[in-house]
Protein backbone atom coordinates (compact mmCIF):
# COMPACT_ATOMS: atom_id res chain seq x y z
CA UNK A 1 128.41 103.27 111.41
CA UNK A 2 128.50 103.06 107.63
CA UNK A 3 125.04 103.25 105.95
CA UNK A 4 126.07 100.22 103.86
CA UNK A 5 125.96 98.14 107.05
CA UNK A 6 122.17 98.41 106.96
CA UNK A 7 121.73 97.95 103.19
CA UNK A 8 119.50 94.95 102.41
CA UNK A 9 121.28 91.77 101.32
CA UNK A 10 118.84 90.04 99.00
CA UNK A 11 121.39 87.40 97.92
CA UNK A 12 120.12 87.32 94.36
CA UNK A 13 123.41 87.45 92.47
CA UNK A 14 123.10 85.17 89.41
CA UNK A 15 119.39 84.69 90.10
CA UNK A 16 116.49 85.88 87.95
CA UNK A 17 112.77 86.06 88.58
CA UNK A 18 110.88 82.82 88.04
CA UNK A 19 108.92 84.66 85.32
CA UNK A 20 109.02 88.02 83.59
CA UNK A 21 106.13 89.11 85.84
CA UNK A 22 108.09 88.22 88.99
CA UNK A 23 111.17 90.03 87.70
CA UNK A 24 109.20 93.16 86.85
CA UNK A 25 107.28 93.12 90.13
CA UNK A 26 110.45 92.80 92.19
CA UNK A 27 112.17 95.57 90.25
CA UNK A 28 109.24 97.97 90.63
CA UNK A 29 108.22 97.23 94.22
CA UNK A 30 111.58 96.50 95.88
CA UNK A 31 114.68 97.01 93.76
CA UNK A 32 113.72 100.46 92.44
CA UNK A 33 113.86 101.90 95.98
CA UNK A 34 116.70 99.74 97.27
CA UNK A 35 118.92 102.70 98.17
CA UNK A 36 116.12 103.98 100.46
CA UNK A 37 115.59 100.66 102.26
CA UNK A 38 117.20 100.05 105.66
CA UNK A 39 117.48 96.58 107.10
CA UNK A 40 116.00 96.32 110.59
CA UNK A 41 116.24 92.52 110.77
CA UNK A 42 116.95 89.68 108.38
CA UNK A 43 117.21 85.90 108.44
CA UNK A 44 118.68 83.62 105.76
CA UNK A 45 117.90 79.90 105.76
CA UNK A 46 120.89 77.59 106.02
CA UNK A 47 120.00 75.93 102.71
CA UNK A 48 119.96 79.34 100.94
CA UNK A 49 116.41 78.77 99.71
CA UNK A 50 114.70 81.44 101.79
CA UNK A 51 115.47 84.93 103.07
CA UNK A 52 113.28 87.02 105.35
CA UNK A 53 113.65 90.78 105.79
CA UNK A 54 112.16 93.53 107.95
CA UNK A 55 112.93 96.78 106.12
CA UNK A 56 112.31 100.45 106.75
CA UNK A 57 111.14 102.22 103.60
CA UNK A 58 112.60 105.72 103.56
CA UNK A 59 110.52 106.71 100.53
CA UNK A 60 107.34 106.57 102.65
CA UNK A 61 108.49 109.65 104.57
CA UNK A 62 108.11 111.70 101.39
CA UNK A 63 104.97 110.01 100.08
CA UNK A 64 101.31 110.21 101.10
CA UNK A 65 101.09 111.37 104.74
CA UNK A 66 100.48 108.59 107.22
CA UNK A 67 101.50 105.66 105.03
CA UNK A 68 103.16 102.67 106.76
CA UNK A 69 106.94 102.60 106.55
CA UNK A 70 107.82 98.95 107.26
CA UNK A 71 108.19 96.26 104.58
CA UNK A 72 108.15 92.53 105.32
CA UNK A 73 109.85 90.65 102.48
CA UNK A 74 110.13 86.90 101.87
CA UNK A 75 112.36 85.72 99.03
CA UNK A 76 112.22 82.07 97.96
CA UNK A 77 115.02 80.73 95.71
CA UNK A 78 115.37 77.66 93.55
CA UNK A 79 119.13 76.96 93.44
CA UNK A 80 118.63 74.37 90.72
CA UNK A 81 117.15 76.79 88.20
CA UNK A 82 118.71 79.94 89.70
CA UNK A 83 115.28 81.57 89.88
CA UNK A 84 113.38 83.27 92.70
CA UNK A 85 109.89 84.29 93.75
CA UNK A 86 108.93 86.76 96.47
CA UNK A 87 106.09 88.01 98.62
CA UNK A 88 105.95 91.23 100.59
CA UNK A 89 103.64 93.29 102.78
CA UNK A 90 103.77 96.93 103.82
CA UNK A 91 102.89 97.27 107.50
CA UNK A 92 102.94 99.97 110.20
CA UNK A 93 104.89 98.23 112.99
CA UNK A 94 108.03 96.05 112.99
CA UNK A 95 106.24 93.51 115.21
CA UNK A 96 103.53 93.13 112.58
CA UNK A 97 106.16 92.62 109.89
CA UNK A 98 107.79 89.96 112.06
CA UNK A 99 104.41 88.28 112.54
CA UNK A 100 103.85 88.21 108.79
CA UNK A 101 107.27 86.66 108.20
CA UNK A 102 106.64 84.03 110.89
CA UNK A 103 103.44 83.15 109.00
CA UNK A 104 105.64 82.72 105.91
CA UNK A 105 107.80 80.14 107.65
CA UNK A 106 110.51 82.22 109.30
CA UNK A 107 111.53 81.27 112.82
CA UNK A 108 110.38 83.69 115.48
CA UNK A 109 113.86 83.99 116.96
CA UNK A 110 115.49 84.37 113.57
CA UNK A 111 113.72 87.59 112.66
CA UNK A 112 114.10 89.50 115.92
CA UNK A 113 115.51 93.01 115.69
CA UNK A 114 119.09 93.02 116.96
CA UNK A 115 119.95 95.08 120.07
CA UNK A 116 120.39 98.75 119.24
CA UNK A 117 118.27 98.61 116.09
CA UNK A 118 115.65 101.32 116.46
CA UNK A 119 114.16 102.46 119.74
CA UNK A 120 113.96 100.00 122.63
CA UNK A 121 110.78 99.00 124.46
CA UNK A 122 110.32 101.44 127.33
CA UNK A 123 108.56 99.00 129.67
CA UNK A 124 107.34 95.46 130.17
CA UNK A 125 103.85 96.27 128.88
CA UNK A 126 105.35 97.29 125.55
CA UNK A 127 107.53 94.18 125.35
CA UNK A 128 104.62 91.89 126.22
CA UNK A 129 102.30 93.39 123.60
CA UNK A 130 105.01 93.19 120.94
CA UNK A 131 105.51 89.52 121.76
CA UNK A 132 101.81 88.86 121.36
CA UNK A 133 101.82 90.63 117.99
CA UNK A 134 104.72 88.49 116.78
CA UNK A 135 103.06 85.27 117.94
CA UNK A 136 101.17 82.66 115.96
CA UNK A 137 97.38 82.97 116.06
CA UNK A 138 95.09 83.83 113.16
CA UNK A 139 92.69 86.17 114.86
CA UNK A 140 93.02 89.84 113.79
CA UNK A 141 93.27 91.74 110.49
CA UNK A 142 94.63 95.21 109.83
CA UNK A 143 91.94 97.80 109.08
CA UNK A 144 93.94 101.05 108.96
CA UNK A 145 97.08 102.75 110.18
CA UNK A 146 98.63 106.20 110.38
CA UNK A 147 102.34 106.88 110.83
CA UNK A 148 103.15 110.40 112.00
CA UNK A 149 106.90 111.06 111.97
CA UNK A 150 106.53 114.85 112.07
CA UNK A 151 105.86 115.01 115.83
CA UNK A 152 108.44 115.56 118.56
CA UNK A 153 107.37 112.08 119.68
CA UNK A 154 106.74 110.09 116.47
CA UNK A 155 103.56 108.05 116.69
CA UNK A 156 102.08 105.07 114.84
CA UNK A 157 98.37 104.35 115.28
CA UNK A 158 96.88 101.04 114.08
CA UNK A 159 93.30 99.72 113.96
CA UNK A 160 92.70 95.95 113.98
CA UNK A 161 89.51 93.92 113.64
CA UNK A 162 88.90 90.48 115.12
CA UNK A 163 88.12 87.69 112.67
CA UNK A 164 86.09 86.01 115.42
CA UNK A 165 82.57 87.49 115.26
CA UNK A 166 81.98 86.53 118.90
CA UNK A 167 84.75 88.76 120.23
CA UNK A 168 83.04 91.33 122.55
CA UNK A 169 85.60 93.99 121.62
CA UNK A 170 86.33 93.16 117.98
CA UNK A 171 88.11 96.44 117.21
CA UNK A 172 91.49 97.24 118.71
CA UNK A 173 93.62 100.36 118.40
CA UNK A 174 97.37 100.18 119.00
CA UNK A 175 99.36 103.34 119.66
CA UNK A 176 103.15 103.29 119.52
CA UNK A 177 104.94 106.47 120.60
CA UNK A 178 108.68 107.03 120.47
CA UNK A 179 110.75 109.17 122.82
CA UNK A 180 113.80 110.25 120.84
CA UNK A 181 115.45 111.75 123.91
CA UNK A 182 115.69 108.33 125.58
CA UNK A 183 115.51 106.35 122.31
CA UNK A 184 112.67 104.23 123.65
CA UNK A 185 109.05 103.63 122.67
CA UNK A 186 105.82 102.59 124.31
CA UNK A 187 103.07 100.47 122.74
CA UNK A 188 99.54 100.38 124.13
CA UNK A 189 96.25 98.83 123.05
CA UNK A 190 92.58 99.70 123.59
CA UNK A 191 89.54 97.53 122.78
CA UNK A 192 86.18 98.72 121.40
CA UNK A 193 82.81 97.06 120.74
CA UNK A 194 82.07 99.05 117.55
CA UNK A 195 83.90 100.42 114.53
CA UNK A 196 82.65 103.97 115.25
CA UNK A 197 84.11 103.93 118.76
CA UNK A 198 87.41 102.61 117.47
CA UNK A 199 87.50 105.17 114.66
CA UNK A 200 86.95 108.02 117.12
CA UNK A 201 89.86 106.83 119.24
CA UNK A 202 91.97 106.14 116.14
CA UNK A 203 91.62 109.78 115.11
CA UNK A 204 92.36 111.09 118.60
CA UNK A 205 94.18 108.43 120.63
CA UNK A 206 95.13 110.75 123.50
CA UNK A 207 92.28 113.18 124.23
CA UNK A 208 92.29 115.02 127.57
CA UNK A 209 90.70 113.24 130.53
CA UNK A 210 90.06 110.10 128.49
CA UNK A 211 88.70 107.09 130.37
CA UNK A 212 90.45 103.97 129.06
CA UNK A 213 87.97 101.65 127.32
CA UNK A 214 87.69 98.00 128.29
CA UNK A 215 90.19 95.71 126.61
CA UNK A 216 91.18 92.08 126.53
CA UNK A 217 94.43 90.44 125.54
CA UNK A 218 95.34 90.45 121.87
CA UNK A 219 95.86 86.97 120.44
CA UNK A 220 99.19 85.65 119.36
CA UNK A 221 99.39 86.84 115.78
CA UNK A 222 98.04 89.66 113.62
CA UNK A 223 97.07 88.83 110.04
CA UNK A 224 97.82 91.89 107.91
CA UNK A 225 95.36 93.00 105.25
CA UNK A 226 95.51 96.07 102.99
CA UNK A 227 94.19 99.20 104.78
CA UNK A 228 91.81 100.03 101.93
CA UNK A 229 88.70 101.29 103.74
CA UNK A 230 89.94 102.48 107.10
CA UNK A 231 89.93 106.06 108.34
CA UNK A 232 92.72 108.47 107.51
CA UNK A 233 93.92 110.02 110.72
CA UNK A 234 94.65 113.75 110.72
CA UNK A 235 98.18 114.99 111.23
């Protein structure tokens, strides 16, 4: 397959940023690395006013170890003035990027990854958890993440915190692990009553003879927030 097949289609020919600040921000945060962005999923509104993208950022592989590699991008156009605005978020998992785009007004079905794009869910538990992450409930925020693509089985570890103070297990850790031999991945979650317990698991999600902690179902949607104070997991 030609690499150009997966190049992002921003559909901004003859458009300019709605302000100089928008133009400069788009150029520096998106356009400057366009040749390193791979489209995982995209949806364009029928009226041409909105485009939604799930992108893999190839520059993250060479940046600070552990940084998230998925970009969710929403472009809003004004055909009358030929101007655009945009919002974006950098997130660790495609399902979280999809959730963010759904919160921006994209249809859930419209932003699904097409068959054959990336690794496939290895089992029903993985599929079910991904569906819950993509859903529409305002209950969890992103605390921290670590993407390790140097392993034989690449792994993404994510810590979430419940926005509901009454949740008995307010901290959740998600672990996605890919099997490149079968081109599949698993996604699992664990729930914790304290930050310290979650941090310990975050830094070592698969210790020997680990007893799985209690967990409850994640809600329908994850609300991403910048991972500014979370732990940095060791490689």
